[in-house]
Protein backbone atom coordinates (compact mmCIF):
# COMPACT_ATOMS: atom_id res chain seq x y z
CA THR A 1 54.12 24.35 -24.04
CA VAL A 2 54.23 21.87 -21.18
CA LEU A 3 51.24 19.55 -20.73
CA GLY A 4 50.09 17.59 -17.71
CA ALA A 5 46.84 15.84 -16.83
CA LEU A 6 45.43 13.47 -14.25
CA SER A 7 42.63 11.17 -15.31
CA THR A 8 40.20 8.75 -13.74
CA ALA A 9 37.37 6.68 -15.13
CA ASN A 10 34.78 4.81 -13.13
CA LEU A 11 33.05 2.50 -15.58
CA GLY A 12 31.06 0.40 -13.14
CA ASN A 13 33.39 -2.55 -13.73
CA ASP A 14 36.61 -2.11 -11.75
CA SER A 15 38.71 -4.17 -14.17
CA TYR A 16 38.07 -1.41 -16.78
CA SER A 17 38.08 1.57 -14.39
CA TYR A 18 41.41 3.33 -14.04
CA SER A 19 43.42 6.29 -12.81
CA GLY A 20 46.42 7.72 -14.55
CA TYR A 21 48.43 10.69 -15.74
CA THR A 22 49.82 12.21 -18.92
CA LEU A 23 52.93 14.39 -19.19
CA GLY A 24 54.33 15.98 -22.30
CA GLY A 25 55.23 19.04 -24.25
CA VAL A 26 54.86 20.77 -27.60
CA TYR A 27 57.29 23.10 -29.33
CA ALA A 28 55.70 25.26 -32.03
CA ARG A 29 57.12 27.90 -34.36
CA THR A 30 55.66 30.29 -36.92
CA HIS A 31 58.11 31.90 -39.34
CA ALA A 32 57.76 35.27 -41.06
CA ASN A 33 57.53 33.54 -44.46
CA GLY A 34 54.27 31.82 -43.37
CA LEU A 35 55.59 28.39 -42.42
CA SER A 36 54.17 26.98 -39.17
CA TRP A 37 55.26 23.72 -37.57
CA SER A 38 55.21 21.91 -34.27
CA VAL A 39 56.68 18.81 -32.65
CA GLY A 40 55.47 17.13 -29.50
CA TYR A 41 56.03 14.26 -27.12
CA SER A 42 53.87 12.78 -24.38
CA THR A 43 53.94 9.80 -22.08
CA SER A 44 51.06 8.40 -20.08
CA LEU A 45 50.33 5.73 -17.52
CA ARG A 46 47.03 4.05 -16.63
CA ASP A 47 46.60 1.81 -13.60
CA TYR A 48 43.40 -0.21 -13.66
CA ASP A 49 41.50 -0.70 -10.41
CA ASP A 50 40.88 -4.45 -10.24
CA LEU A 51 42.13 -7.79 -11.53
CA PHE A 52 41.76 -8.26 -15.24
CA PRO A 53 39.39 -11.16 -16.08
CA LEU A 54 41.28 -14.47 -16.48
CA PHE A 55 44.49 -12.97 -15.04
CA SER A 56 45.87 -12.74 -11.52
CA HIS A 57 46.83 -9.08 -11.81
CA ALA A 58 45.37 -5.68 -12.65
CA ARG A 59 46.06 -4.17 -16.04
CA ARG A 60 48.69 -1.41 -16.40
CA ASP A 61 49.28 0.48 -19.65
CA THR A 62 52.00 2.94 -20.59
CA SER A 63 52.14 4.86 -23.85
CA LYS A 64 54.50 7.21 -25.63
CA THR A 65 53.47 9.51 -28.46
CA VAL A 66 55.61 11.61 -30.81
CA SER A 67 53.77 14.10 -33.02
CA ALA A 68 54.50 16.69 -35.70
CA SER A 69 52.51 19.09 -37.84
CA ILE A 70 53.23 21.57 -40.62
CA SER A 71 51.38 24.21 -42.64
CA HIS A 72 52.10 27.26 -44.77
CA LYS A 73 49.74 30.24 -44.99
CA GLN A 74 50.44 30.72 -48.71
CA ILE A 75 49.13 27.23 -49.52
CA GLN A 76 45.34 27.45 -49.56
CA ILE A 77 42.37 25.41 -50.72
CA ASN A 78 39.25 27.55 -51.24
CA GLY A 79 40.58 30.09 -48.73
CA MET A 80 41.44 27.43 -46.13
CA ILE A 81 44.97 26.57 -44.96
CA PRO A 82 45.73 22.81 -44.88
CA ARG A 83 47.72 21.44 -41.94
CA LEU A 84 49.36 18.01 -42.14
CA SER A 85 49.68 16.29 -38.76
CA CYS A 86 51.12 12.89 -37.86
CA ALA A 87 51.50 11.05 -34.56
CA SER A 88 53.30 7.82 -33.76
CA LYS A 89 52.08 6.00 -30.63
CA GLN A 90 53.53 2.98 -28.85
CA GLN A 91 51.45 1.42 -26.09
CA THR A 92 52.69 -1.36 -23.84
CA SER A 93 50.61 -3.24 -21.31
CA ASN A 94 51.10 -6.06 -18.86
CA ILE A 95 48.16 -7.66 -20.72
CA ALA A 96 49.61 -8.38 -24.19
CA LEU A 97 46.22 -7.96 -25.86
CA TYR A 98 46.57 -4.19 -25.29
CA ASP A 99 50.09 -3.77 -26.76
CA TYR A 100 50.07 -1.85 -30.03
CA SER A 101 51.84 0.68 -32.22
CA SER A 102 50.13 3.13 -34.53
CA ILE A 103 50.90 5.95 -36.92
CA ASP A 104 47.99 8.31 -37.47
CA CYS A 105 48.06 11.18 -39.97
CA SER A 106 45.45 13.77 -40.83
CA ILE A 107 44.95 16.83 -42.98
CA LYS A 108 42.95 19.60 -41.36
CA LEU A 109 41.64 22.71 -43.07
CA GLN A 110 41.80 25.98 -41.14
CA PHE A 111 39.61 28.93 -42.05
CA ASP A 112 40.40 32.28 -40.44
CA PHE A 113 37.68 34.93 -40.30
């Protein structure tokens, strides 16, 4: 699956209002034995509309995210299938305060009816 999005936010304060885009893709597979998995990648850019307070330039952020998830239909908890998902994100900004890296993981329970 290929993903693409344009975004804009008008927050009333132009130094926090922005426009940007996200591009990415996800590859997912389900095997006959019940194993399902996916991997994904996305990159995004945000250009902020006005000068950032105390700086002589507008903020600009870029981020990259790599994600993966896995589940198996034969593993169930009270009739629900758990799915483990993790994403690693790296954001860089021309305002160092907004540079960060994160790894976020979650377990979701899926109930089919």
